[in-house]
Amino acid sequence: MDNPTVIMSTTENEHVQASLAFAKILYASGAGYKQLCVVDGFADTYILTRGSTFKWDTCAPHAVLKSLGGGVVDLKRISKEPEANLQLHQLTYNKPDKAYDGIDQWCNMGGFVAYLDESLCREVLERVKNVV
């Protein structure tokens, strides 16, 4: 992709922002909104490196992305196996994360990358691997 666009929060880690300087960076609020920007083609990927969203923030846009051939990968899990099949590291919604207590069991603690184009997702993952 010649001039990809990455959308993120204005509060995203400055090292992550710098590592993605190859792309046009857009800033917006709202996890669901940013995912829908990927769905609608306003952005090519959305990255979030913190556990600041919950499963209910990502499940509906994730379903739409999956129906279009994309997805939402767990950033922490895929970072441990960067060459792995992205489909094996999609966010899941059917069970709590027992590593955490209370409401945090339903948080997307590992951060995530939402995408339509797998090759661009992999490029984003490659570029942030040393800063996340």
N, C-alpha and C. Protein backbone atom coordinates (compact mmCIF):
# COMPACT_ATOMS: atom_id res chain seq x y z
N MET A 1 0.86 -1.18 0.00
CA MET A 1 0.00 0.00 0.00
C MET A 1 0.90 1.23 0.00
N ASP A 2 0.63 2.17 -0.89
CA ASP A 2 1.51 3.32 -1.07
C ASP A 2 1.51 4.29 0.10
N ASN A 3 0.35 4.76 0.49
CA ASN A 3 0.27 5.77 1.54
C ASN A 3 -0.78 5.35 2.56
N PRO A 4 -0.45 4.39 3.41
CA PRO A 4 -1.45 3.89 4.35
C PRO A 4 -1.78 4.91 5.43
N THR A 5 -2.95 4.74 6.02
CA THR A 5 -3.42 5.60 7.08
C THR A 5 -3.66 4.75 8.33
N VAL A 6 -3.11 5.21 9.44
CA VAL A 6 -3.29 4.55 10.73
C VAL A 6 -4.04 5.51 11.64
N ILE A 7 -5.10 5.02 12.27
CA ILE A 7 -5.85 5.84 13.20
C ILE A 7 -5.56 5.37 14.62
N MET A 8 -5.50 6.34 15.53
CA MET A 8 -5.20 6.03 16.93
C MET A 8 -5.71 7.17 17.81
N SER A 9 -5.60 6.95 19.09
CA SER A 9 -5.96 7.97 20.06
C SER A 9 -4.84 9.00 20.17
N THR A 10 -5.19 10.22 20.53
CA THR A 10 -4.16 11.25 20.75
C THR A 10 -3.29 10.91 21.95
N THR A 11 -3.75 10.02 22.81
CA THR A 11 -2.98 9.64 23.99
C THR A 11 -2.13 8.39 23.76
N GLU A 12 -2.06 7.93 22.52
CA GLU A 12 -1.24 6.75 22.23
C GLU A 12 0.23 7.05 22.52
N ASN A 13 0.95 6.05 22.93
CA ASN A 13 2.36 6.12 23.27
C ASN A 13 3.14 6.84 22.15
N GLU A 14 3.97 7.81 22.54
CA GLU A 14 4.72 8.60 21.55
C GLU A 14 5.71 7.75 20.75
N HIS A 15 6.23 6.68 21.34
CA HIS A 15 7.14 5.79 20.62
C HIS A 15 6.40 4.99 19.55
N VAL A 16 5.16 4.62 19.86
CA VAL A 16 4.32 3.94 18.86
C VAL A 16 4.03 4.90 17.72
N GLN A 17 3.67 6.12 18.06
CA GLN A 17 3.39 7.10 17.02
C GLN A 17 4.61 7.31 16.12
N ALA A 18 5.79 7.44 16.71
CA ALA A 18 7.01 7.65 15.94
C ALA A 18 7.33 6.44 15.06
N SER A 19 7.09 5.24 15.56
CA SER A 19 7.40 4.04 14.79
C SER A 19 6.49 3.88 13.58
N LEU A 20 5.36 4.57 13.58
CA LEU A 20 4.42 4.48 12.47
C LEU A 20 4.48 5.69 11.55
N ALA A 21 5.60 6.40 11.57
CA ALA A 21 5.76 7.61 10.77
C ALA A 21 5.71 7.35 9.27
N PHE A 22 5.82 6.08 8.86
CA PHE A 22 5.72 5.74 7.43
C PHE A 22 4.31 5.99 6.90
N ALA A 23 3.35 6.07 7.81
CA ALA A 23 1.94 6.20 7.44
C ALA A 23 1.41 7.59 7.80
N LYS A 24 0.31 7.92 7.19
CA LYS A 24 -0.43 9.11 7.60
C LYS A 24 -1.15 8.73 8.90
N ILE A 25 -1.01 9.56 9.93
CA ILE A 25 -1.62 9.28 11.23
C ILE A 25 -2.86 10.16 11.40
N LEU A 26 -3.96 9.52 11.75
CA LEU A 26 -5.20 10.23 12.10
C LEU A 26 -5.47 10.00 13.57
N TYR A 27 -6.08 10.98 14.22
CA TYR A 27 -6.44 10.86 15.63
C TYR A 27 -7.94 11.02 15.79
N ALA A 28 -8.51 10.21 16.67
CA ALA A 28 -9.94 10.29 16.93
C ALA A 28 -10.24 9.72 18.31
N SER A 29 -11.43 9.95 18.76
CA SER A 29 -11.90 9.39 20.03
C SER A 29 -12.85 8.24 19.75
N GLY A 30 -12.97 7.33 20.70
CA GLY A 30 -13.94 6.24 20.62
C GLY A 30 -13.41 5.02 19.88
N ALA A 31 -13.25 3.92 20.58
CA ALA A 31 -12.72 2.69 19.99
C ALA A 31 -13.61 2.17 18.86
N GLY A 32 -14.92 2.16 19.09
CA GLY A 32 -15.84 1.69 18.05
C GLY A 32 -15.78 2.57 16.82
N TYR A 33 -15.72 3.89 17.04
CA TYR A 33 -15.65 4.82 15.93
C TYR A 33 -14.39 4.58 15.10
N LYS A 34 -13.25 4.40 15.77
CA LYS A 34 -11.99 4.20 15.05
C LYS A 34 -12.03 2.89 14.25
N GLN A 35 -12.63 1.85 14.83
CA GLN A 35 -12.77 0.60 14.08
C GLN A 35 -13.67 0.81 12.86
N LEU A 36 -14.73 1.56 13.01
CA LEU A 36 -15.62 1.82 11.87
C LEU A 36 -14.93 2.68 10.82
N CYS A 37 -13.96 3.50 11.22
CA CYS A 37 -13.17 4.23 10.23
C CYS A 37 -12.39 3.26 9.34
N VAL A 38 -11.93 2.15 9.92
CA VAL A 38 -11.26 1.11 9.13
C VAL A 38 -12.28 0.44 8.21
N VAL A 39 -13.44 0.10 8.75
CA VAL A 39 -14.50 -0.52 7.95
C VAL A 39 -14.85 0.35 6.75
N ASP A 40 -15.00 1.65 6.97
CA ASP A 40 -15.44 2.57 5.92
C ASP A 40 -14.32 3.04 4.99
N GLY A 41 -13.07 2.64 5.29
CA GLY A 41 -11.96 3.02 4.44
C GLY A 41 -11.36 4.38 4.73
N PHE A 42 -11.77 5.03 5.81
CA PHE A 42 -11.16 6.31 6.19
C PHE A 42 -9.76 6.09 6.75
N ALA A 43 -9.51 4.89 7.29
CA ALA A 43 -8.20 4.50 7.80
C ALA A 43 -7.96 3.05 7.39
N ASP A 44 -6.69 2.70 7.28
CA ASP A 44 -6.35 1.33 6.90
C ASP A 44 -6.18 0.42 8.10
N THR A 45 -5.69 0.96 9.20
CA THR A 45 -5.56 0.19 10.43
C THR A 45 -5.82 1.10 11.62
N TYR A 46 -6.15 0.47 12.72
CA TYR A 46 -6.33 1.17 14.00
C TYR A 46 -5.51 0.41 15.02
N ILE A 47 -4.64 1.12 15.73
CA ILE A 47 -3.83 0.48 16.75
C ILE A 47 -4.14 1.09 18.12
N LEU A 48 -4.21 0.22 19.10
CA LEU A 48 -4.37 0.62 20.50
C LEU A 48 -3.44 -0.28 21.31
N THR A 49 -2.49 0.32 22.02
CA THR A 49 -1.50 -0.47 22.73
C THR A 49 -1.80 -0.65 24.21
N ARG A 50 -2.84 -0.01 24.70
CA ARG A 50 -3.19 -0.12 26.12
C ARG A 50 -4.48 -0.91 26.29
N GLY A 51 -4.66 -1.40 27.49
CA GLY A 51 -5.89 -2.10 27.83
C GLY A 51 -6.95 -1.13 28.30
N SER A 52 -7.38 -0.25 27.42
CA SER A 52 -8.33 0.79 27.81
C SER A 52 -9.71 0.61 27.18
N THR A 53 -9.93 -0.54 26.53
CA THR A 53 -11.25 -0.82 25.96
C THR A 53 -11.75 -2.15 26.50
N PHE A 54 -13.02 -2.35 26.38
CA PHE A 54 -13.64 -3.59 26.83
C PHE A 54 -14.20 -4.35 25.63
N LYS A 55 -14.53 -5.60 25.88
CA LYS A 55 -15.03 -6.48 24.80
C LYS A 55 -16.24 -5.87 24.10
N TRP A 56 -17.11 -5.21 24.84
CA TRP A 56 -18.31 -4.64 24.23
C TRP A 56 -18.00 -3.44 23.34
N ASP A 57 -16.79 -2.87 23.48
CA ASP A 57 -16.38 -1.77 22.61
C ASP A 57 -15.94 -2.26 21.23
N THR A 58 -15.50 -3.52 21.18
CA THR A 58 -14.89 -4.02 19.95
C THR A 58 -15.68 -5.10 19.23
N CYS A 59 -16.65 -5.72 19.90
CA CYS A 59 -17.27 -6.92 19.31
C CYS A 59 -18.05 -6.65 18.03
N ALA A 60 -18.88 -5.63 17.99
CA ALA A 60 -19.68 -5.39 16.78
C ALA A 60 -18.81 -4.93 15.60
N PRO A 61 -17.92 -3.94 15.78
CA PRO A 61 -17.05 -3.58 14.65
C PRO A 61 -16.16 -4.74 14.21
N HIS A 62 -15.74 -5.57 15.15
CA HIS A 62 -14.92 -6.72 14.81
C HIS A 62 -15.69 -7.67 13.89
N ALA A 63 -16.95 -7.90 14.20
CA ALA A 63 -17.77 -8.78 13.35
C ALA A 63 -17.87 -8.22 11.93
N VAL A 64 -18.01 -6.92 11.81
CA VAL A 64 -18.10 -6.31 10.48
C VAL A 64 -16.76 -6.46 9.75
N LEU A 65 -15.66 -6.18 10.45
CA LEU A 65 -14.34 -6.34 9.83
C LEU A 65 -14.12 -7.78 9.37
N LYS A 66 -14.50 -8.75 10.20
CA LYS A 66 -14.35 -10.16 9.82
C LYS A 66 -15.17 -10.47 8.57
N SER A 67 -16.36 -9.92 8.48
CA SER A 67 -17.21 -10.19 7.32
C SER A 67 -16.62 -9.61 6.04
N LEU A 68 -15.73 -8.63 6.17
CA LEU A 68 -15.08 -8.00 5.03
C LEU A 68 -13.69 -8.57 4.76
N GLY A 69 -13.30 -9.59 5.52
CA GLY A 69 -12.01 -10.23 5.31
C GLY A 69 -10.89 -9.73 6.20
N GLY A 70 -11.20 -8.83 7.11
CA GLY A 70 -10.19 -8.30 8.04
C GLY A 70 -10.33 -8.91 9.41
N GLY A 71 -9.99 -8.15 10.42
CA GLY A 71 -10.11 -8.64 11.78
C GLY A 71 -9.56 -7.67 12.80
N VAL A 72 -9.47 -8.17 14.03
CA VAL A 72 -8.91 -7.40 15.14
C VAL A 72 -8.04 -8.36 15.93
N VAL A 73 -6.72 -8.17 15.86
CA VAL A 73 -5.80 -9.07 16.55
C VAL A 73 -5.40 -8.51 17.90
N ASP A 74 -5.21 -9.43 18.84
CA ASP A 74 -4.70 -9.10 20.17
C ASP A 74 -3.22 -8.75 20.02
N LEU A 75 -2.87 -7.52 20.27
CA LEU A 75 -1.51 -7.02 20.04
C LEU A 75 -0.48 -7.76 20.90
N LYS A 76 -0.78 -7.96 22.15
CA LYS A 76 0.17 -8.64 23.04
C LYS A 76 0.42 -10.08 22.60
N ARG A 77 -0.64 -10.80 22.26
CA ARG A 77 -0.48 -12.20 21.85
C ARG A 77 0.23 -12.33 20.51
N ILE A 78 -0.14 -11.52 19.53
CA ILE A 78 0.48 -11.63 18.21
C ILE A 78 1.93 -11.16 18.26
N SER A 79 2.27 -10.26 19.17
CA SER A 79 3.65 -9.78 19.29
C SER A 79 4.59 -10.89 19.72
N LYS A 80 4.06 -11.89 20.41
CA LYS A 80 4.89 -13.03 20.84
C LYS A 80 5.14 -14.00 19.70
N GLU A 81 4.29 -13.99 18.68
CA GLU A 81 4.41 -14.87 17.52
C GLU A 81 4.11 -14.08 16.24
N PRO A 82 4.97 -13.14 15.88
CA PRO A 82 4.64 -12.23 14.77
C PRO A 82 4.39 -12.90 13.42
N GLU A 83 4.92 -14.09 13.22
CA GLU A 83 4.72 -14.78 11.95
C GLU A 83 3.48 -15.67 11.96
N ALA A 84 2.80 -15.75 13.08
CA ALA A 84 1.65 -16.64 13.24
C ALA A 84 0.48 -16.19 12.37
N ASN A 85 -0.41 -17.11 12.13
CA ASN A 85 -1.65 -16.84 11.42
C ASN A 85 -2.46 -15.82 12.22
N LEU A 86 -2.80 -14.71 11.60
CA LEU A 86 -3.55 -13.66 12.30
C LEU A 86 -4.88 -14.18 12.83
N GLN A 87 -5.46 -15.14 12.14
CA GLN A 87 -6.76 -15.67 12.57
C GLN A 87 -6.67 -16.36 13.92
N LEU A 88 -5.49 -16.82 14.30
CA LEU A 88 -5.31 -17.49 15.59
C LEU A 88 -5.17 -16.52 16.75
N HIS A 89 -5.04 -15.23 16.44
CA HIS A 89 -4.83 -14.23 17.48
C HIS A 89 -5.90 -13.14 17.47
N GLN A 90 -7.07 -13.46 16.95
CA GLN A 90 -8.18 -12.51 16.96
C GLN A 90 -8.67 -12.32 18.40
N LEU A 91 -9.20 -11.15 18.69
CA LEU A 91 -9.83 -10.95 20.00
C LEU A 91 -10.95 -11.97 20.16
N THR A 92 -11.16 -12.41 21.37
CA THR A 92 -12.25 -13.35 21.65
C THR A 92 -13.22 -12.71 22.64
N TYR A 93 -14.44 -13.23 22.64
CA TYR A 93 -15.50 -12.60 23.41
C TYR A 93 -16.28 -13.56 24.29
N ASN A 94 -16.04 -14.83 24.18
CA ASN A 94 -16.91 -15.82 24.83
C ASN A 94 -16.50 -16.22 26.23
N LYS A 95 -15.37 -15.71 26.73
CA LYS A 95 -14.98 -16.06 28.09
C LYS A 95 -14.10 -14.96 28.69
N PRO A 96 -14.17 -14.79 30.00
CA PRO A 96 -13.36 -13.77 30.66
C PRO A 96 -11.89 -14.19 30.70
N ASP A 97 -11.02 -13.21 30.82
CA ASP A 97 -9.59 -13.46 30.97
C ASP A 97 -9.31 -13.64 32.45
N LYS A 98 -9.08 -14.85 32.86
CA LYS A 98 -8.92 -15.19 34.28
C LYS A 98 -7.63 -14.66 34.89
N ALA A 99 -6.75 -14.07 34.09
CA ALA A 99 -5.54 -13.45 34.63
C ALA A 99 -5.86 -12.16 35.38
N TYR A 100 -7.09 -11.69 35.24
CA TYR A 100 -7.51 -10.43 35.87
C TYR A 100 -8.75 -10.67 36.72
N ASP A 101 -9.04 -9.70 37.58
CA ASP A 101 -10.19 -9.79 38.47
C ASP A 101 -11.28 -8.81 38.04
N GLY A 102 -12.49 -9.11 38.47
CA GLY A 102 -13.61 -8.19 38.28
C GLY A 102 -13.82 -7.81 36.83
N ILE A 103 -14.14 -6.56 36.63
CA ILE A 103 -14.47 -6.05 35.31
C ILE A 103 -13.29 -6.15 34.34
N ASP A 104 -12.06 -6.12 34.89
CA ASP A 104 -10.88 -6.20 34.03
C ASP A 104 -10.80 -7.52 33.26
N GLN A 105 -11.54 -8.53 33.68
CA GLN A 105 -11.58 -9.80 32.94
C GLN A 105 -12.18 -9.61 31.54
N TRP A 106 -12.89 -8.54 31.37
CA TRP A 106 -13.56 -8.27 30.09
C TRP A 106 -12.89 -7.13 29.31
N CYS A 107 -11.69 -6.76 29.75
CA CYS A 107 -10.94 -5.69 29.10
C CYS A 107 -10.04 -6.28 28.02
N ASN A 108 -9.81 -5.54 26.97
CA ASN A 108 -8.85 -5.93 25.93
C ASN A 108 -7.46 -5.51 26.40
N MET A 109 -6.96 -6.17 27.43
CA MET A 109 -5.74 -5.76 28.12
C MET A 109 -4.50 -5.72 27.23
N GLY A 110 -4.44 -6.56 26.23
CA GLY A 110 -3.25 -6.63 25.39
C GLY A 110 -3.18 -5.60 24.29
N GLY A 111 -4.19 -4.72 24.21
CA GLY A 111 -4.25 -3.81 23.07
C GLY A 111 -4.64 -4.59 21.83
N PHE A 112 -4.75 -3.91 20.70
CA PHE A 112 -5.15 -4.60 19.47
C PHE A 112 -4.82 -3.78 18.24
N VAL A 113 -4.89 -4.45 17.10
CA VAL A 113 -4.80 -3.80 15.80
C VAL A 113 -6.01 -4.26 14.99
N ALA A 114 -6.79 -3.31 14.51
CA ALA A 114 -7.92 -3.58 13.62
C ALA A 114 -7.47 -3.31 12.20
N TYR A 115 -7.87 -4.18 11.28
CA TYR A 115 -7.37 -4.09 9.91
C TYR A 115 -8.34 -4.71 8.92
N LEU A 116 -8.18 -4.33 7.66
CA LEU A 116 -8.82 -5.02 6.55
C LEU A 116 -7.77 -5.75 5.71
N ASP A 117 -6.58 -5.18 5.60
CA ASP A 117 -5.51 -5.72 4.79
C ASP A 117 -4.47 -6.40 5.69
N GLU A 118 -4.35 -7.72 5.55
CA GLU A 118 -3.44 -8.47 6.42
C GLU A 118 -1.99 -8.03 6.27
N SER A 119 -1.55 -7.73 5.06
CA SER A 119 -0.15 -7.34 4.86
C SER A 119 0.15 -6.02 5.56
N LEU A 120 -0.79 -5.09 5.55
CA LEU A 120 -0.58 -3.82 6.25
C LEU A 120 -0.60 -4.04 7.77
N CYS A 121 -1.47 -4.91 8.24
CA CYS A 121 -1.48 -5.25 9.66
C CYS A 121 -0.11 -5.77 10.07
N ARG A 122 0.46 -6.65 9.27
CA ARG A 122 1.77 -7.22 9.58
C ARG A 122 2.86 -6.14 9.55
N GLU A 123 2.75 -5.19 8.64
CA GLU A 123 3.74 -4.10 8.60
C GLU A 123 3.64 -3.26 9.87
N VAL A 124 2.43 -2.94 10.29
CA VAL A 124 2.24 -2.18 11.53
C VAL A 124 2.82 -2.96 12.71
N LEU A 125 2.53 -4.25 12.78
CA LEU A 125 3.06 -5.08 13.86
C LEU A 125 4.58 -5.10 13.86
N GLU A 126 5.17 -5.21 12.69
CA GLU A 126 6.63 -5.21 12.57
C GLU A 126 7.23 -3.90 13.07
N ARG A 127 6.59 -2.80 12.71
CA ARG A 127 7.14 -1.49 13.07
C ARG A 127 6.99 -1.14 14.55
N VAL A 128 6.00 -1.72 15.23
CA VAL A 128 5.81 -1.39 16.64
C VAL A 128 6.38 -2.44 17.59
N LYS A 129 6.93 -3.52 17.04
CA LYS A 129 7.33 -4.66 17.88
C LYS A 129 8.34 -4.30 18.97
N ASN A 130 9.18 -3.31 18.75
CA ASN A 130 10.19 -2.95 19.74
C ASN A 130 9.73 -1.87 20.71
N VAL A 131 8.51 -1.38 20.53
CA VAL A 131 8.05 -0.29 21.40
C VAL A 131 6.79 -0.63 22.18
N VAL A 132 6.23 -1.82 21.95
CA VAL A 132 5.03 -2.21 22.70
C VAL A 132 5.36 -3.25 23.75
